[in-house]
Amino acid sequence: MEVNWFAVIAAGVSAFMLGGIWYGPLFGKMWQAENGLSDEQLAEGNMAKIFGLALVLSLVAAFVFGMFLGPDVDVQFGAMAGFSAGLFWVGAALGIVYLFERRSLKHWAINAGYVTLQFTLYGVIFGLLS
C-alpha cells in the first residue's frame, strides 16, 4: 500500500509534540493527580525509554492511519476521519476500559481529548501533504 513517508514522520512528530503540550502545561497536573502519581514517581521513570517508545508508537499510529486514509485524501476528509477515529474508536475503547477500571470522567476526558486531537492532526497533515 502506498504511504506518504514524509506525512508519516510529520504526523508522528506532531503528535509527540502535542503530547508534550497536552500532558505538560495544559493538563499535566490534572493528569498526574488523576493517576495518583507524585513528582518523585514521575522523576523515577526511564525518560529515554518512555519518550523514545512514545515517539516510535506515534510514528506507528501515523503510519497505520495513513494506510487507512489512502494516498489521496483532502484536508477536510482527513480531519473528520481523524476526529472520528480519535473520539469514537480510541476514545470509546478507552471509555470502556475506564468504566471497568473505575477511572474518572476527568481522566477519560484528558486522555480521549488527546487522542482525538492526535488523530485529527494526523488527518490534517495527511490531507495537506497528499
N, C-alpha and C. Protein backbone atom coordinates (compact mmCIF):
# COMPACT_ATOMS: atom_id res chain seq x y z
N MET A 1 0.84 -1.18 0.00
CA MET A 1 0.00 0.00 0.00
C MET A 1 0.89 1.25 0.00
N GLU A 2 0.46 2.22 -0.72
CA GLU A 2 1.22 3.47 -0.85
C GLU A 2 1.02 4.36 0.37
N VAL A 3 2.13 4.79 0.97
CA VAL A 3 2.07 5.67 2.14
C VAL A 3 3.05 6.82 1.93
N ASN A 4 2.63 8.01 2.26
CA ASN A 4 3.48 9.19 2.18
C ASN A 4 4.36 9.23 3.43
N TRP A 5 5.64 8.85 3.28
CA TRP A 5 6.53 8.74 4.43
C TRP A 5 6.82 10.09 5.08
N PHE A 6 6.85 11.15 4.28
CA PHE A 6 7.05 12.49 4.86
C PHE A 6 5.87 12.83 5.77
N ALA A 7 4.66 12.51 5.33
CA ALA A 7 3.47 12.77 6.14
C ALA A 7 3.48 11.91 7.41
N VAL A 8 3.93 10.67 7.30
CA VAL A 8 4.02 9.79 8.48
C VAL A 8 4.94 10.41 9.52
N ILE A 9 6.11 10.86 9.08
CA ILE A 9 7.07 11.44 10.02
C ILE A 9 6.53 12.74 10.59
N ALA A 10 5.98 13.60 9.74
CA ALA A 10 5.42 14.87 10.21
C ALA A 10 4.28 14.64 11.20
N ALA A 11 3.40 13.70 10.90
CA ALA A 11 2.26 13.42 11.78
C ALA A 11 2.73 12.82 13.10
N GLY A 12 3.63 11.85 13.02
CA GLY A 12 4.13 11.21 14.25
C GLY A 12 4.83 12.20 15.16
N VAL A 13 5.68 13.03 14.59
CA VAL A 13 6.40 14.03 15.41
C VAL A 13 5.43 15.07 15.95
N SER A 14 4.44 15.46 15.15
CA SER A 14 3.47 16.47 15.62
C SER A 14 2.66 15.94 16.81
N ALA A 15 2.29 14.66 16.77
CA ALA A 15 1.54 14.07 17.89
C ALA A 15 2.41 13.99 19.14
N PHE A 16 3.69 13.68 18.94
CA PHE A 16 4.63 13.64 20.05
C PHE A 16 4.75 15.03 20.69
N MET A 17 4.83 16.06 19.85
CA MET A 17 4.91 17.43 20.36
C MET A 17 3.59 17.85 21.04
N LEU A 18 2.46 17.47 20.44
CA LEU A 18 1.16 17.74 21.05
C LEU A 18 1.08 17.11 22.43
N GLY A 19 1.57 15.88 22.57
CA GLY A 19 1.57 15.21 23.86
C GLY A 19 2.37 15.97 24.90
N GLY A 20 3.49 16.54 24.48
CA GLY A 20 4.30 17.34 25.40
C GLY A 20 3.57 18.56 25.92
N ILE A 21 2.78 19.18 25.07
CA ILE A 21 1.99 20.34 25.48
C ILE A 21 0.77 19.89 26.29
N TRP A 22 0.07 18.88 25.79
CA TRP A 22 -1.18 18.39 26.41
C TRP A 22 -0.93 17.88 27.83
N TYR A 23 0.09 17.01 27.95
CA TYR A 23 0.38 16.40 29.25
C TYR A 23 1.41 17.19 30.05
N GLY A 24 1.77 18.35 29.53
CA GLY A 24 2.67 19.26 30.23
C GLY A 24 1.89 20.45 30.76
N PRO A 25 2.04 21.61 30.13
CA PRO A 25 1.41 22.82 30.67
C PRO A 25 -0.12 22.82 30.64
N LEU A 26 -0.75 22.15 29.68
CA LEU A 26 -2.22 22.21 29.61
C LEU A 26 -2.90 21.36 30.69
N PHE A 27 -2.60 20.07 30.72
CA PHE A 27 -3.32 19.16 31.61
C PHE A 27 -2.41 18.27 32.46
N GLY A 28 -1.12 18.57 32.48
CA GLY A 28 -0.16 17.71 33.16
C GLY A 28 -0.46 17.47 34.62
N LYS A 29 -0.75 18.53 35.36
CA LYS A 29 -1.01 18.37 36.80
C LYS A 29 -2.32 17.63 37.05
N MET A 30 -3.34 17.92 36.24
CA MET A 30 -4.61 17.19 36.41
C MET A 30 -4.42 15.71 36.08
N TRP A 31 -3.70 15.42 34.99
CA TRP A 31 -3.44 14.04 34.61
C TRP A 31 -2.65 13.33 35.70
N GLN A 32 -1.67 14.00 36.24
CA GLN A 32 -0.85 13.43 37.31
C GLN A 32 -1.71 13.12 38.54
N ALA A 33 -2.57 14.03 38.90
CA ALA A 33 -3.46 13.81 40.05
C ALA A 33 -4.44 12.67 39.80
N GLU A 34 -4.99 12.60 38.58
CA GLU A 34 -5.94 11.53 38.24
C GLU A 34 -5.28 10.16 38.28
N ASN A 35 -3.98 10.12 38.03
CA ASN A 35 -3.23 8.86 38.07
C ASN A 35 -2.62 8.59 39.43
N GLY A 36 -2.74 9.53 40.37
CA GLY A 36 -2.17 9.35 41.70
C GLY A 36 -0.65 9.27 41.69
N LEU A 37 -0.01 10.01 40.79
CA LEU A 37 1.44 9.99 40.66
C LEU A 37 2.06 11.23 41.30
N SER A 38 3.08 11.03 42.09
CA SER A 38 3.82 12.14 42.69
C SER A 38 4.90 12.61 41.73
N ASP A 39 5.43 13.80 41.98
CA ASP A 39 6.55 14.29 41.18
C ASP A 39 7.74 13.32 41.27
N GLU A 40 7.93 12.76 42.44
CA GLU A 40 9.03 11.83 42.65
C GLU A 40 8.85 10.56 41.80
N GLN A 41 7.64 10.04 41.77
CA GLN A 41 7.37 8.85 40.96
C GLN A 41 7.61 9.12 39.48
N LEU A 42 7.20 10.29 39.02
CA LEU A 42 7.41 10.63 37.62
C LEU A 42 8.89 10.77 37.31
N ALA A 43 9.64 11.32 38.24
CA ALA A 43 11.07 11.52 38.04
C ALA A 43 11.85 10.21 38.02
N GLU A 44 11.29 9.17 38.62
CA GLU A 44 11.97 7.87 38.67
C GLU A 44 11.93 7.11 37.35
N GLY A 45 11.07 7.52 36.45
CA GLY A 45 10.92 6.79 35.19
C GLY A 45 12.14 6.92 34.30
N ASN A 46 12.33 5.94 33.44
CA ASN A 46 13.40 5.96 32.44
C ASN A 46 12.92 6.83 31.29
N MET A 47 13.27 8.11 31.33
CA MET A 47 12.72 9.06 30.37
C MET A 47 13.15 8.78 28.93
N ALA A 48 14.37 8.30 28.72
CA ALA A 48 14.80 7.96 27.36
C ALA A 48 13.91 6.86 26.79
N LYS A 49 13.63 5.85 27.59
CA LYS A 49 12.78 4.74 27.16
C LYS A 49 11.35 5.23 26.93
N ILE A 50 10.81 5.99 27.88
CA ILE A 50 9.42 6.46 27.78
C ILE A 50 9.23 7.35 26.56
N PHE A 51 10.08 8.37 26.42
CA PHE A 51 9.93 9.30 25.30
C PHE A 51 10.29 8.63 23.98
N GLY A 52 11.31 7.78 23.98
CA GLY A 52 11.68 7.09 22.75
C GLY A 52 10.57 6.18 22.24
N LEU A 53 10.01 5.38 23.14
CA LEU A 53 8.91 4.49 22.73
C LEU A 53 7.65 5.27 22.39
N ALA A 54 7.40 6.38 23.08
CA ALA A 54 6.24 7.21 22.75
C ALA A 54 6.36 7.76 21.33
N LEU A 55 7.56 8.18 20.95
CA LEU A 55 7.77 8.67 19.59
C LEU A 55 7.59 7.54 18.58
N VAL A 56 8.16 6.38 18.86
CA VAL A 56 8.01 5.23 17.95
C VAL A 56 6.53 4.87 17.79
N LEU A 57 5.80 4.82 18.88
CA LEU A 57 4.38 4.47 18.81
C LEU A 57 3.57 5.54 18.08
N SER A 58 3.94 6.81 18.24
CA SER A 58 3.28 7.89 17.47
C SER A 58 3.51 7.70 15.98
N LEU A 59 4.73 7.31 15.61
CA LEU A 59 5.04 7.07 14.20
C LEU A 59 4.29 5.85 13.67
N VAL A 60 4.20 4.79 14.46
CA VAL A 60 3.46 3.60 14.06
C VAL A 60 1.99 3.93 13.86
N ALA A 61 1.40 4.66 14.80
CA ALA A 61 -0.01 5.04 14.68
C ALA A 61 -0.23 5.91 13.44
N ALA A 62 0.68 6.84 13.18
CA ALA A 62 0.56 7.69 12.00
C ALA A 62 0.67 6.86 10.72
N PHE A 63 1.59 5.91 10.69
CA PHE A 63 1.76 5.05 9.53
C PHE A 63 0.48 4.26 9.23
N VAL A 64 -0.07 3.64 10.25
CA VAL A 64 -1.28 2.81 10.04
C VAL A 64 -2.47 3.70 9.68
N PHE A 65 -2.56 4.86 10.30
CA PHE A 65 -3.66 5.76 9.96
C PHE A 65 -3.51 6.25 8.52
N GLY A 66 -2.28 6.50 8.10
CA GLY A 66 -2.04 6.88 6.70
C GLY A 66 -2.45 5.79 5.74
N MET A 67 -2.18 4.53 6.10
CA MET A 67 -2.63 3.40 5.27
C MET A 67 -4.15 3.36 5.22
N PHE A 68 -4.79 3.62 6.36
CA PHE A 68 -6.24 3.63 6.43
C PHE A 68 -6.82 4.71 5.51
N LEU A 69 -6.21 5.90 5.53
CA LEU A 69 -6.72 7.01 4.72
C LEU A 69 -6.48 6.81 3.24
N GLY A 70 -5.37 6.17 2.88
CA GLY A 70 -5.01 6.00 1.48
C GLY A 70 -4.21 7.20 0.98
N PRO A 71 -3.74 7.11 -0.27
CA PRO A 71 -2.82 8.13 -0.78
C PRO A 71 -3.47 9.45 -1.19
N ASP A 72 -4.74 9.45 -1.49
CA ASP A 72 -5.40 10.66 -1.98
C ASP A 72 -6.49 11.10 -1.01
N VAL A 73 -6.12 11.92 -0.05
CA VAL A 73 -7.07 12.39 0.95
C VAL A 73 -6.99 13.91 1.01
N ASP A 74 -8.13 14.56 1.14
CA ASP A 74 -8.09 16.02 1.30
C ASP A 74 -8.14 16.37 2.78
N VAL A 75 -7.89 17.62 3.09
CA VAL A 75 -7.78 18.07 4.48
C VAL A 75 -9.09 17.86 5.23
N GLN A 76 -10.21 18.20 4.61
CA GLN A 76 -11.50 18.08 5.29
C GLN A 76 -11.80 16.62 5.65
N PHE A 77 -11.64 15.72 4.69
CA PHE A 77 -11.90 14.31 4.98
C PHE A 77 -10.91 13.78 6.00
N GLY A 78 -9.63 14.14 5.85
CA GLY A 78 -8.61 13.70 6.79
C GLY A 78 -8.90 14.15 8.21
N ALA A 79 -9.30 15.40 8.35
CA ALA A 79 -9.62 15.93 9.69
C ALA A 79 -10.83 15.22 10.29
N MET A 80 -11.87 15.02 9.50
CA MET A 80 -13.07 14.35 10.02
C MET A 80 -12.81 12.88 10.32
N ALA A 81 -12.04 12.21 9.46
CA ALA A 81 -11.70 10.81 9.72
C ALA A 81 -10.85 10.70 10.97
N GLY A 82 -9.90 11.62 11.13
CA GLY A 82 -9.05 11.62 12.32
C GLY A 82 -9.85 11.90 13.59
N PHE A 83 -10.73 12.89 13.52
CA PHE A 83 -11.57 13.20 14.68
C PHE A 83 -12.43 11.99 15.06
N SER A 84 -13.03 11.38 14.05
CA SER A 84 -13.90 10.22 14.30
C SER A 84 -13.11 9.05 14.87
N ALA A 85 -11.94 8.76 14.29
CA ALA A 85 -11.12 7.66 14.80
C ALA A 85 -10.66 7.94 16.23
N GLY A 86 -10.25 9.16 16.49
CA GLY A 86 -9.77 9.51 17.83
C GLY A 86 -10.85 9.42 18.89
N LEU A 87 -11.99 10.05 18.61
CA LEU A 87 -13.05 10.10 19.63
C LEU A 87 -13.88 8.82 19.67
N PHE A 88 -14.28 8.33 18.52
CA PHE A 88 -15.26 7.25 18.50
C PHE A 88 -14.66 5.84 18.45
N TRP A 89 -13.39 5.71 18.07
CA TRP A 89 -12.73 4.41 18.15
C TRP A 89 -11.85 4.35 19.38
N VAL A 90 -10.83 5.19 19.41
CA VAL A 90 -9.88 5.13 20.53
C VAL A 90 -10.52 5.66 21.81
N GLY A 91 -11.19 6.79 21.73
CA GLY A 91 -11.83 7.36 22.92
C GLY A 91 -12.90 6.44 23.50
N ALA A 92 -13.69 5.83 22.62
CA ALA A 92 -14.71 4.89 23.09
C ALA A 92 -14.07 3.66 23.73
N ALA A 93 -13.00 3.16 23.12
CA ALA A 93 -12.31 2.00 23.70
C ALA A 93 -11.72 2.35 25.07
N LEU A 94 -11.13 3.54 25.18
CA LEU A 94 -10.64 3.98 26.50
C LEU A 94 -11.80 4.07 27.49
N GLY A 95 -12.93 4.58 27.03
CA GLY A 95 -14.09 4.70 27.91
C GLY A 95 -14.54 3.36 28.47
N ILE A 96 -14.55 2.34 27.64
CA ILE A 96 -14.92 1.00 28.11
C ILE A 96 -13.95 0.53 29.19
N VAL A 97 -12.66 0.65 28.90
CA VAL A 97 -11.64 0.23 29.86
C VAL A 97 -11.77 1.03 31.16
N TYR A 98 -11.95 2.34 31.03
CA TYR A 98 -12.03 3.21 32.21
C TYR A 98 -13.25 2.90 33.07
N LEU A 99 -14.35 2.49 32.44
CA LEU A 99 -15.53 2.11 33.22
C LEU A 99 -15.21 0.92 34.12
N PHE A 100 -14.57 -0.08 33.56
CA PHE A 100 -14.24 -1.26 34.36
C PHE A 100 -13.14 -0.99 35.37
N GLU A 101 -12.25 -0.08 35.05
CA GLU A 101 -11.17 0.26 35.98
C GLU A 101 -11.61 1.31 37.02
N ARG A 102 -12.84 1.77 36.91
CA ARG A 102 -13.41 2.76 37.82
C ARG A 102 -12.63 4.08 37.80
N ARG A 103 -12.16 4.45 36.62
CA ARG A 103 -11.46 5.73 36.47
C ARG A 103 -12.47 6.84 36.26
N SER A 104 -12.04 8.06 36.53
CA SER A 104 -12.95 9.20 36.49
C SER A 104 -13.21 9.68 35.07
N LEU A 105 -14.32 10.40 34.94
CA LEU A 105 -14.66 11.04 33.67
C LEU A 105 -13.59 12.07 33.31
N LYS A 106 -13.05 12.74 34.29
CA LYS A 106 -11.99 13.72 34.03
C LYS A 106 -10.76 13.04 33.43
N HIS A 107 -10.39 11.90 33.97
CA HIS A 107 -9.24 11.15 33.44
C HIS A 107 -9.51 10.75 31.99
N TRP A 108 -10.71 10.25 31.72
CA TRP A 108 -11.08 9.87 30.36
C TRP A 108 -11.02 11.09 29.44
N ALA A 109 -11.56 12.22 29.89
CA ALA A 109 -11.60 13.42 29.05
C ALA A 109 -10.19 13.89 28.69
N ILE A 110 -9.27 13.82 29.62
CA ILE A 110 -7.89 14.23 29.34
C ILE A 110 -7.30 13.32 28.26
N ASN A 111 -7.38 12.02 28.46
CA ASN A 111 -6.76 11.08 27.52
C ASN A 111 -7.51 10.99 26.19
N ALA A 112 -8.83 10.96 26.24
CA ALA A 112 -9.61 10.90 25.00
C ALA A 112 -9.48 12.20 24.22
N GLY A 113 -9.36 13.32 24.93
CA GLY A 113 -9.13 14.59 24.26
C GLY A 113 -7.83 14.60 23.51
N TYR A 114 -6.79 14.06 24.15
CA TYR A 114 -5.50 13.98 23.46
C TYR A 114 -5.57 13.11 22.21
N VAL A 115 -6.10 11.90 22.31
CA VAL A 115 -6.11 11.02 21.14
C VAL A 115 -7.02 11.56 20.04
N THR A 116 -8.07 12.27 20.42
CA THR A 116 -8.94 12.88 19.42
C THR A 116 -8.17 13.95 18.63
N LEU A 117 -7.44 14.80 19.35
CA LEU A 117 -6.64 15.81 18.66
C LEU A 117 -5.47 15.18 17.90
N GLN A 118 -4.89 14.13 18.47
CA GLN A 118 -3.79 13.42 17.82
C GLN A 118 -4.22 12.93 16.44
N PHE A 119 -5.32 12.21 16.37
CA PHE A 119 -5.76 11.64 15.10
C PHE A 119 -6.33 12.71 14.17
N THR A 120 -6.93 13.75 14.71
CA THR A 120 -7.37 14.86 13.87
C THR A 120 -6.16 15.52 13.22
N LEU A 121 -5.12 15.71 14.00
CA LEU A 121 -3.87 16.27 13.49
C LEU A 121 -3.27 15.36 12.42
N TYR A 122 -3.27 14.07 12.66
CA TYR A 122 -2.80 13.13 11.64
C TYR A 122 -3.57 13.34 10.33
N GLY A 123 -4.88 13.39 10.43
CA GLY A 123 -5.70 13.54 9.22
C GLY A 123 -5.44 14.84 8.49
N VAL A 124 -5.29 15.93 9.23
CA VAL A 124 -5.00 17.22 8.61
C VAL A 124 -3.65 17.16 7.89
N ILE A 125 -2.64 16.60 8.55
CA ILE A 125 -1.31 16.53 7.94
C ILE A 125 -1.33 15.65 6.70
N PHE A 126 -1.98 14.50 6.75
CA PHE A 126 -2.06 13.65 5.57
C PHE A 126 -2.83 14.35 4.46
N GLY A 127 -3.88 15.11 4.83
CA GLY A 127 -4.63 15.85 3.82
C GLY A 127 -3.80 16.95 3.18
N LEU A 128 -3.01 17.64 3.98
CA LEU A 128 -2.17 18.71 3.45
C LEU A 128 -1.04 18.19 2.58
N LEU A 129 -0.50 17.03 2.93
CA LEU A 129 0.70 16.51 2.26
C LEU A 129 0.42 15.45 1.20
N SER A 130 -0.87 15.18 0.92
CA SER A 130 -1.14 14.16 -0.10
C SER A 130 -1.32 14.79 -1.47
